[in-house]
Amino acid sequence: MAEKNLRVFLDSSVLLSGLFSDRGAPRLILDIFSLRLPSFTALTGAYNIAEVERNLTIKLPAALPIFKTVLDVMRIEVIRLPQKKDLKRWAGLTVDKNAPILASAFLGNAHLLVTGDKRHLLKIHQTDLPFKIIAPAEFIDEDLPRFLR
């Protein structure tokens, strides 16, 4: 990868898993972005933040302030909610609830979309996408070292 700044979109699954684990790829990703390395930009969507907040409110409301602190520490760039016109391009690639994730990654000029969604997002045929969709472990094991060379 020749980019000087790798723009990495983090899906809700990575944010949630990283919050609740003290090890594993999602946690390492949050730790790496907390270092604020100049060659990396962490992104997520307003849609993803709402999804995480909704899950935390239901399952563990006491963790909401921690989540907000993590976002601040990482200086994560939050991409606006996609408009209806932004979603049309992504219709049919995945289930409807994931179209805003793809649209947000696109709107944020992401190079990578990191997700734990094996059921839908990681199964998308990627030849026509302007970004690569990868699992957290793939980011840690393959893309991160390749970019740091």
N, C-alpha and C. Protein backbone atom coordinates (compact mmCIF):
# COMPACT_ATOMS: atom_id res chain seq x y z
N MET A 1 0.85 -1.17 0.00
CA MET A 1 0.00 0.00 0.00
C MET A 1 0.89 1.23 0.00
N ALA A 2 0.64 2.12 -0.91
CA ALA A 2 1.50 3.29 -1.05
C ALA A 2 0.91 4.53 -0.38
N GLU A 3 -0.26 4.47 0.18
CA GLU A 3 -0.87 5.64 0.78
C GLU A 3 -0.03 6.14 1.96
N LYS A 4 -0.01 7.46 2.13
CA LYS A 4 0.71 8.04 3.26
C LYS A 4 -0.15 8.04 4.50
N ASN A 5 -1.45 7.98 4.34
CA ASN A 5 -2.37 7.95 5.46
C ASN A 5 -3.41 6.88 5.19
N LEU A 6 -3.37 5.83 5.96
CA LEU A 6 -4.30 4.73 5.79
C LEU A 6 -5.59 5.06 6.54
N ARG A 7 -6.69 5.14 5.81
CA ARG A 7 -7.99 5.47 6.39
C ARG A 7 -8.74 4.16 6.63
N VAL A 8 -8.96 3.86 7.90
CA VAL A 8 -9.52 2.57 8.30
C VAL A 8 -10.88 2.79 8.96
N PHE A 9 -11.91 2.27 8.31
CA PHE A 9 -13.28 2.38 8.83
C PHE A 9 -13.54 1.19 9.76
N LEU A 10 -13.93 1.48 10.98
CA LEU A 10 -14.20 0.44 11.97
C LEU A 10 -15.70 0.24 12.11
N ASP A 11 -16.13 -0.97 11.85
CA ASP A 11 -17.53 -1.33 11.98
C ASP A 11 -17.90 -1.45 13.47
N SER A 12 -19.17 -1.43 13.75
CA SER A 12 -19.68 -1.53 15.12
C SER A 12 -19.16 -2.78 15.83
N SER A 13 -19.06 -3.87 15.11
CA SER A 13 -18.61 -5.13 15.71
C SER A 13 -17.19 -5.01 16.26
N VAL A 14 -16.34 -4.28 15.56
CA VAL A 14 -14.96 -4.08 16.02
C VAL A 14 -14.93 -3.18 17.24
N LEU A 15 -15.72 -2.11 17.21
CA LEU A 15 -15.78 -1.20 18.35
C LEU A 15 -16.28 -1.91 19.60
N LEU A 16 -17.36 -2.66 19.47
CA LEU A 16 -17.92 -3.37 20.63
C LEU A 16 -16.98 -4.45 21.14
N SER A 17 -16.45 -5.24 20.23
CA SER A 17 -15.53 -6.32 20.66
C SER A 17 -14.28 -5.75 21.31
N GLY A 18 -13.76 -4.68 20.76
CA GLY A 18 -12.57 -4.05 21.32
C GLY A 18 -12.80 -3.46 22.70
N LEU A 19 -14.01 -2.97 22.93
CA LEU A 19 -14.35 -2.42 24.24
C LEU A 19 -14.39 -3.48 25.33
N PHE A 20 -14.87 -4.66 24.98
CA PHE A 20 -15.14 -5.68 25.99
C PHE A 20 -14.11 -6.79 26.07
N SER A 21 -13.01 -6.63 25.38
CA SER A 21 -11.97 -7.65 25.44
C SER A 21 -10.67 -6.98 25.84
N ASP A 22 -9.85 -7.70 26.57
CA ASP A 22 -8.55 -7.14 26.92
C ASP A 22 -7.46 -7.67 26.00
N ARG A 23 -7.85 -8.47 25.01
CA ARG A 23 -6.91 -8.97 24.01
C ARG A 23 -7.70 -9.34 22.76
N GLY A 24 -7.01 -9.79 21.77
CA GLY A 24 -7.65 -10.11 20.50
C GLY A 24 -7.51 -8.96 19.53
N ALA A 25 -7.74 -9.24 18.26
CA ALA A 25 -7.53 -8.26 17.20
C ALA A 25 -8.36 -6.99 17.38
N PRO A 26 -9.67 -7.06 17.70
CA PRO A 26 -10.41 -5.80 17.87
C PRO A 26 -9.82 -4.90 18.96
N ARG A 27 -9.38 -5.49 20.07
CA ARG A 27 -8.78 -4.69 21.13
C ARG A 27 -7.45 -4.09 20.68
N LEU A 28 -6.65 -4.87 19.97
CA LEU A 28 -5.38 -4.35 19.44
C LEU A 28 -5.62 -3.18 18.48
N ILE A 29 -6.65 -3.28 17.68
CA ILE A 29 -6.97 -2.21 16.74
C ILE A 29 -7.31 -0.93 17.50
N LEU A 30 -8.14 -1.03 18.52
CA LEU A 30 -8.46 0.16 19.31
C LEU A 30 -7.21 0.73 19.98
N ASP A 31 -6.36 -0.15 20.48
CA ASP A 31 -5.11 0.30 21.12
C ASP A 31 -4.20 1.00 20.11
N ILE A 32 -4.09 0.45 18.92
CA ILE A 32 -3.24 1.06 17.89
C ILE A 32 -3.75 2.45 17.53
N PHE A 33 -5.06 2.58 17.34
CA PHE A 33 -5.60 3.89 16.98
C PHE A 33 -5.57 4.87 18.15
N SER A 34 -5.51 4.36 19.36
CA SER A 34 -5.37 5.24 20.53
C SER A 34 -4.00 5.89 20.58
N LEU A 35 -3.02 5.32 19.87
CA LEU A 35 -1.68 5.89 19.82
C LEU A 35 -1.62 7.14 18.94
N ARG A 36 -2.65 7.34 18.13
CA ARG A 36 -2.75 8.51 17.24
C ARG A 36 -1.55 8.61 16.30
N LEU A 37 -1.18 7.50 15.72
CA LEU A 37 -0.07 7.49 14.77
C LEU A 37 -0.44 8.35 13.56
N PRO A 38 0.47 9.17 13.09
CA PRO A 38 0.13 10.10 12.01
C PRO A 38 -0.20 9.44 10.68
N SER A 39 0.20 8.22 10.49
CA SER A 39 -0.05 7.56 9.22
C SER A 39 -1.37 6.78 9.18
N PHE A 40 -2.16 6.87 10.24
CA PHE A 40 -3.44 6.15 10.30
C PHE A 40 -4.56 7.09 10.72
N THR A 41 -5.71 6.93 10.10
CA THR A 41 -6.91 7.64 10.52
C THR A 41 -7.99 6.61 10.77
N ALA A 42 -8.55 6.64 11.97
CA ALA A 42 -9.67 5.76 12.30
C ALA A 42 -10.96 6.48 11.94
N LEU A 43 -11.85 5.73 11.30
CA LEU A 43 -13.16 6.25 10.91
C LEU A 43 -14.24 5.32 11.43
N THR A 44 -15.38 5.87 11.63
CA THR A 44 -16.59 5.07 11.80
C THR A 44 -17.74 5.97 11.38
N GLY A 45 -18.91 5.39 11.28
CA GLY A 45 -20.06 6.17 10.86
C GLY A 45 -20.96 6.56 12.03
N ALA A 46 -21.69 7.65 11.84
CA ALA A 46 -22.70 8.03 12.83
C ALA A 46 -23.69 6.88 13.00
N TYR A 47 -23.94 6.16 11.91
CA TYR A 47 -24.81 4.98 11.95
C TYR A 47 -24.24 3.92 12.89
N ASN A 48 -22.93 3.69 12.81
CA ASN A 48 -22.27 2.70 13.65
C ASN A 48 -22.28 3.12 15.12
N ILE A 49 -22.02 4.40 15.35
CA ILE A 49 -22.05 4.90 16.73
C ILE A 49 -23.43 4.72 17.34
N ALA A 50 -24.46 5.03 16.57
CA ALA A 50 -25.83 4.84 17.07
C ALA A 50 -26.09 3.36 17.37
N GLU A 51 -25.56 2.48 16.53
CA GLU A 51 -25.73 1.04 16.75
C GLU A 51 -25.03 0.59 18.03
N VAL A 52 -23.82 1.04 18.24
CA VAL A 52 -23.08 0.70 19.46
C VAL A 52 -23.80 1.26 20.68
N GLU A 53 -24.21 2.52 20.62
CA GLU A 53 -24.90 3.13 21.76
C GLU A 53 -26.22 2.42 22.07
N ARG A 54 -26.93 2.01 21.03
CA ARG A 54 -28.19 1.27 21.23
C ARG A 54 -27.92 -0.06 21.94
N ASN A 55 -26.89 -0.77 21.50
CA ASN A 55 -26.55 -2.04 22.14
C ASN A 55 -26.09 -1.86 23.58
N LEU A 56 -25.27 -0.85 23.81
CA LEU A 56 -24.80 -0.60 25.17
C LEU A 56 -25.94 -0.18 26.09
N THR A 57 -26.85 0.63 25.59
CA THR A 57 -27.98 1.07 26.40
C THR A 57 -28.82 -0.13 26.86
N ILE A 58 -28.97 -1.10 25.98
CA ILE A 58 -29.76 -2.29 26.32
C ILE A 58 -28.98 -3.24 27.23
N LYS A 59 -27.72 -3.50 26.88
CA LYS A 59 -26.97 -4.56 27.55
C LYS A 59 -26.08 -4.09 28.70
N LEU A 60 -25.52 -2.90 28.59
CA LEU A 60 -24.58 -2.44 29.61
C LEU A 60 -24.49 -0.91 29.61
N PRO A 61 -25.51 -0.24 30.12
CA PRO A 61 -25.56 1.22 30.06
C PRO A 61 -24.38 1.91 30.76
N ALA A 62 -23.81 1.26 31.75
CA ALA A 62 -22.68 1.87 32.46
C ALA A 62 -21.46 2.02 31.57
N ALA A 63 -21.41 1.32 30.45
CA ALA A 63 -20.26 1.39 29.54
C ALA A 63 -20.35 2.54 28.54
N LEU A 64 -21.49 3.22 28.48
CA LEU A 64 -21.63 4.33 27.52
C LEU A 64 -20.58 5.42 27.69
N PRO A 65 -20.31 5.88 28.92
CA PRO A 65 -19.26 6.91 29.07
C PRO A 65 -17.88 6.40 28.65
N ILE A 66 -17.60 5.13 28.86
CA ILE A 66 -16.32 4.56 28.46
C ILE A 66 -16.21 4.58 26.93
N PHE A 67 -17.29 4.23 26.27
CA PHE A 67 -17.31 4.24 24.80
C PHE A 67 -17.03 5.65 24.28
N LYS A 68 -17.66 6.65 24.86
CA LYS A 68 -17.43 8.03 24.42
C LYS A 68 -15.97 8.45 24.67
N THR A 69 -15.39 8.00 25.76
CA THR A 69 -13.99 8.30 26.05
C THR A 69 -13.07 7.64 25.03
N VAL A 70 -13.37 6.40 24.68
CA VAL A 70 -12.57 5.68 23.68
C VAL A 70 -12.60 6.43 22.35
N LEU A 71 -13.77 6.89 21.95
CA LEU A 71 -13.87 7.63 20.69
C LEU A 71 -13.02 8.90 20.74
N ASP A 72 -13.04 9.59 21.87
CA ASP A 72 -12.24 10.81 22.02
C ASP A 72 -10.75 10.51 22.00
N VAL A 73 -10.33 9.48 22.71
CA VAL A 73 -8.91 9.12 22.78
C VAL A 73 -8.40 8.74 21.39
N MET A 74 -9.20 8.03 20.64
CA MET A 74 -8.78 7.58 19.31
C MET A 74 -8.85 8.71 18.28
N ARG A 75 -9.51 9.79 18.64
CA ARG A 75 -9.78 10.88 17.68
C ARG A 75 -10.39 10.32 16.41
N ILE A 76 -11.37 9.48 16.61
CA ILE A 76 -12.02 8.81 15.49
C ILE A 76 -12.83 9.82 14.69
N GLU A 77 -12.70 9.75 13.39
CA GLU A 77 -13.45 10.63 12.50
C GLU A 77 -14.81 9.98 12.26
N VAL A 78 -15.86 10.72 12.58
CA VAL A 78 -17.22 10.19 12.44
C VAL A 78 -17.83 10.70 11.14
N ILE A 79 -18.21 9.77 10.31
CA ILE A 79 -18.81 10.07 9.01
C ILE A 79 -20.31 10.26 9.19
N ARG A 80 -20.82 11.30 8.58
CA ARG A 80 -22.25 11.63 8.71
C ARG A 80 -23.14 10.46 8.30
N LEU A 81 -24.38 10.52 8.75
CA LEU A 81 -25.36 9.51 8.33
C LEU A 81 -25.56 9.62 6.82
N PRO A 82 -25.50 8.51 6.12
CA PRO A 82 -25.73 8.56 4.67
C PRO A 82 -27.18 8.96 4.37
N GLN A 83 -27.33 9.70 3.30
CA GLN A 83 -28.67 10.05 2.84
C GLN A 83 -29.18 8.94 1.93
N LYS A 84 -30.46 9.00 1.65
CA LYS A 84 -31.08 7.96 0.82
C LYS A 84 -30.34 7.79 -0.51
N LYS A 85 -29.94 8.90 -1.13
CA LYS A 85 -29.23 8.83 -2.42
C LYS A 85 -27.87 8.14 -2.28
N ASP A 86 -27.25 8.25 -1.09
CA ASP A 86 -25.96 7.60 -0.85
C ASP A 86 -26.09 6.08 -0.77
N LEU A 87 -27.26 5.61 -0.42
CA LEU A 87 -27.47 4.17 -0.21
C LEU A 87 -27.74 3.40 -1.50
N LYS A 88 -28.17 4.09 -2.53
CA LYS A 88 -28.57 3.41 -3.78
C LYS A 88 -27.44 2.58 -4.37
N ARG A 89 -26.24 3.10 -4.34
CA ARG A 89 -25.08 2.40 -4.90
C ARG A 89 -24.86 1.03 -4.24
N TRP A 90 -25.24 0.90 -2.99
CA TRP A 90 -24.93 -0.29 -2.20
C TRP A 90 -26.09 -1.28 -2.11
N ALA A 91 -27.24 -0.90 -2.68
CA ALA A 91 -28.41 -1.77 -2.64
C ALA A 91 -28.11 -3.10 -3.33
N GLY A 92 -28.46 -4.17 -2.67
CA GLY A 92 -28.29 -5.50 -3.24
C GLY A 92 -26.94 -6.15 -2.97
N LEU A 93 -25.96 -5.39 -2.50
CA LEU A 93 -24.66 -5.99 -2.20
C LEU A 93 -24.67 -6.78 -0.90
N THR A 94 -25.53 -6.35 0.01
CA THR A 94 -25.62 -6.97 1.33
C THR A 94 -27.03 -6.73 1.85
N VAL A 95 -27.29 -7.17 3.05
CA VAL A 95 -28.60 -6.92 3.65
C VAL A 95 -28.78 -5.41 3.83
N ASP A 96 -30.02 -4.96 3.79
CA ASP A 96 -30.31 -3.52 3.84
C ASP A 96 -29.70 -2.81 5.04
N LYS A 97 -29.67 -3.48 6.19
CA LYS A 97 -29.16 -2.81 7.40
C LYS A 97 -27.66 -2.52 7.31
N ASN A 98 -26.95 -3.16 6.39
CA ASN A 98 -25.51 -2.92 6.24
C ASN A 98 -25.17 -1.91 5.15
N ALA A 99 -26.15 -1.52 4.34
CA ALA A 99 -25.89 -0.53 3.29
C ALA A 99 -25.35 0.78 3.86
N PRO A 100 -25.87 1.28 5.00
CA PRO A 100 -25.30 2.52 5.54
C PRO A 100 -23.84 2.39 5.97
N ILE A 101 -23.42 1.19 6.32
CA ILE A 101 -22.01 0.97 6.69
C ILE A 101 -21.13 1.12 5.46
N LEU A 102 -21.52 0.48 4.37
CA LEU A 102 -20.77 0.59 3.12
C LEU A 102 -20.76 2.04 2.62
N ALA A 103 -21.92 2.68 2.68
CA ALA A 103 -22.01 4.08 2.23
C ALA A 103 -21.13 4.98 3.09
N SER A 104 -21.11 4.76 4.38
CA SER A 104 -20.29 5.58 5.28
C SER A 104 -18.80 5.38 5.00
N ALA A 105 -18.39 4.14 4.78
CA ALA A 105 -16.98 3.87 4.46
C ALA A 105 -16.61 4.59 3.15
N PHE A 106 -17.49 4.56 2.19
CA PHE A 106 -17.25 5.25 0.92
C PHE A 106 -17.18 6.76 1.12
N LEU A 107 -18.14 7.31 1.85
CA LEU A 107 -18.17 8.76 2.10
C LEU A 107 -16.92 9.22 2.87
N GLY A 108 -16.36 8.34 3.68
CA GLY A 108 -15.17 8.67 4.45
C GLY A 108 -13.87 8.39 3.71
N ASN A 109 -13.97 8.01 2.44
CA ASN A 109 -12.78 7.70 1.64
C ASN A 109 -11.89 6.65 2.31
N ALA A 110 -12.53 5.64 2.89
CA ALA A 110 -11.79 4.58 3.57
C ALA A 110 -11.01 3.74 2.57
N HIS A 111 -9.85 3.30 3.01
CA HIS A 111 -9.08 2.33 2.24
C HIS A 111 -9.48 0.92 2.65
N LEU A 112 -9.81 0.79 3.94
CA LEU A 112 -10.19 -0.51 4.51
C LEU A 112 -11.44 -0.36 5.34
N LEU A 113 -12.29 -1.37 5.32
CA LEU A 113 -13.43 -1.47 6.24
C LEU A 113 -13.15 -2.72 7.07
N VAL A 114 -12.95 -2.53 8.36
CA VAL A 114 -12.65 -3.66 9.24
C VAL A 114 -13.93 -4.04 9.97
N THR A 115 -14.30 -5.31 9.84
CA THR A 115 -15.56 -5.79 10.41
C THR A 115 -15.43 -7.22 10.91
N GLY A 116 -16.23 -7.56 11.88
CA GLY A 116 -16.33 -8.93 12.34
C GLY A 116 -17.57 -9.62 11.79
N ASP A 117 -18.29 -8.95 10.88
CA ASP A 117 -19.53 -9.48 10.33
C ASP A 117 -19.24 -10.52 9.25
N LYS A 118 -19.03 -11.76 9.68
CA LYS A 118 -18.73 -12.86 8.76
C LYS A 118 -19.95 -13.27 7.96
N ARG A 119 -21.10 -13.01 8.52
CA ARG A 119 -22.34 -13.47 7.89
C ARG A 119 -22.70 -12.67 6.64
N HIS A 120 -22.38 -11.35 6.65
CA HIS A 120 -22.79 -10.52 5.52
C HIS A 120 -21.64 -9.73 4.89
N LEU A 121 -21.01 -8.87 5.64
CA LEU A 121 -20.04 -7.94 5.05
C LEU A 121 -18.79 -8.64 4.51
N LEU A 122 -18.27 -9.61 5.23
CA LEU A 122 -17.06 -10.28 4.76
C LEU A 122 -17.31 -11.20 3.57
N LYS A 123 -18.57 -11.42 3.23
CA LYS A 123 -18.91 -12.28 2.09
C LYS A 123 -19.16 -11.50 0.80
N ILE A 124 -19.08 -10.18 0.87
CA ILE A 124 -19.34 -9.36 -0.31
C ILE A 124 -18.23 -9.56 -1.34
N HIS A 125 -18.63 -9.74 -2.59
CA HIS A 125 -17.66 -9.83 -3.68
C HIS A 125 -17.06 -8.44 -3.86
N GLN A 126 -15.75 -8.31 -3.68
CA GLN A 126 -15.13 -7.00 -3.52
C GLN A 126 -14.52 -6.38 -4.77
N THR A 127 -14.66 -6.99 -5.89
CA THR A 127 -13.95 -6.48 -7.07
C THR A 127 -14.39 -5.06 -7.46
N ASP A 128 -15.61 -4.68 -7.19
CA ASP A 128 -16.09 -3.36 -7.59
C ASP A 128 -16.12 -2.34 -6.46
N LEU A 129 -15.57 -2.69 -5.32
CA LEU A 129 -15.58 -1.76 -4.19
C LEU A 129 -14.34 -0.87 -4.20
N PRO A 130 -14.50 0.38 -3.79
CA PRO A 130 -13.34 1.28 -3.73
C PRO A 130 -12.52 1.12 -2.45
N PHE A 131 -12.90 0.17 -1.61
CA PHE A 131 -12.17 -0.14 -0.38
C PHE A 131 -12.20 -1.64 -0.17
N LYS A 132 -11.30 -2.12 0.66
CA LYS A 132 -11.19 -3.55 0.94
C LYS A 132 -11.92 -3.84 2.26
N ILE A 133 -12.69 -4.92 2.30
CA ILE A 133 -13.37 -5.34 3.53
C ILE A 133 -12.57 -6.50 4.11
N ILE A 134 -12.17 -6.33 5.37
CA ILE A 134 -11.33 -7.35 6.01
C ILE A 134 -11.77 -7.60 7.45
N ALA A 135 -11.36 -8.74 7.95
CA ALA A 135 -11.59 -9.11 9.35
C ALA A 135 -10.53 -8.43 10.22
N PRO A 136 -10.82 -8.22 11.50
CA PRO A 136 -9.84 -7.60 12.39
C PRO A 136 -8.47 -8.29 12.40
N ALA A 137 -8.46 -9.61 12.43
CA ALA A 137 -7.19 -10.34 12.46
C ALA A 137 -6.40 -10.12 11.17
N GLU A 138 -7.07 -10.01 10.05
CA GLU A 138 -6.39 -9.75 8.79
C GLU A 138 -5.73 -8.37 8.81
N PHE A 139 -6.41 -7.39 9.39
CA PHE A 139 -5.81 -6.06 9.51
C PHE A 139 -4.53 -6.13 10.33
N ILE A 140 -4.58 -6.79 11.48
CA ILE A 140 -3.42 -6.89 12.38
C ILE A 140 -2.29 -7.71 11.75
N ASP A 141 -2.64 -8.84 11.15
CA ASP A 141 -1.62 -9.77 10.65
C ASP A 141 -1.06 -9.42 9.28
N GLU A 142 -1.87 -8.80 8.42
CA GLU A 142 -1.44 -8.59 7.04
C GLU A 142 -1.35 -7.12 6.63
N ASP A 143 -2.43 -6.39 6.75
CA ASP A 143 -2.46 -5.02 6.23
C ASP A 143 -1.63 -4.05 7.06
N LEU A 144 -1.70 -4.13 8.36
CA LEU A 144 -0.92 -3.24 9.22
C LEU A 144 0.59 -3.41 8.99
N PRO A 145 1.13 -4.63 9.04
CA PRO A 145 2.56 -4.78 8.79
C PRO A 145 2.98 -4.34 7.39
N ARG A 146 2.15 -4.61 6.41
CA ARG A 146 2.47 -4.22 5.03
C ARG A 146 2.52 -2.69 4.92
N PHE A 147 1.63 -2.02 5.60
CA PHE A 147 1.60 -0.55 5.53
C PHE A 147 2.78 0.06 6.29
N LEU A 148 3.22 -0.58 7.35
CA LEU A 148 4.30 -0.02 8.18
C LEU A 148 5.69 -0.22 7.58
N ARG A 149 5.79 -1.02 6.55
CA ARG A 149 7.11 -1.26 5.92
C ARG A 149 7.66 -0.01 5.30
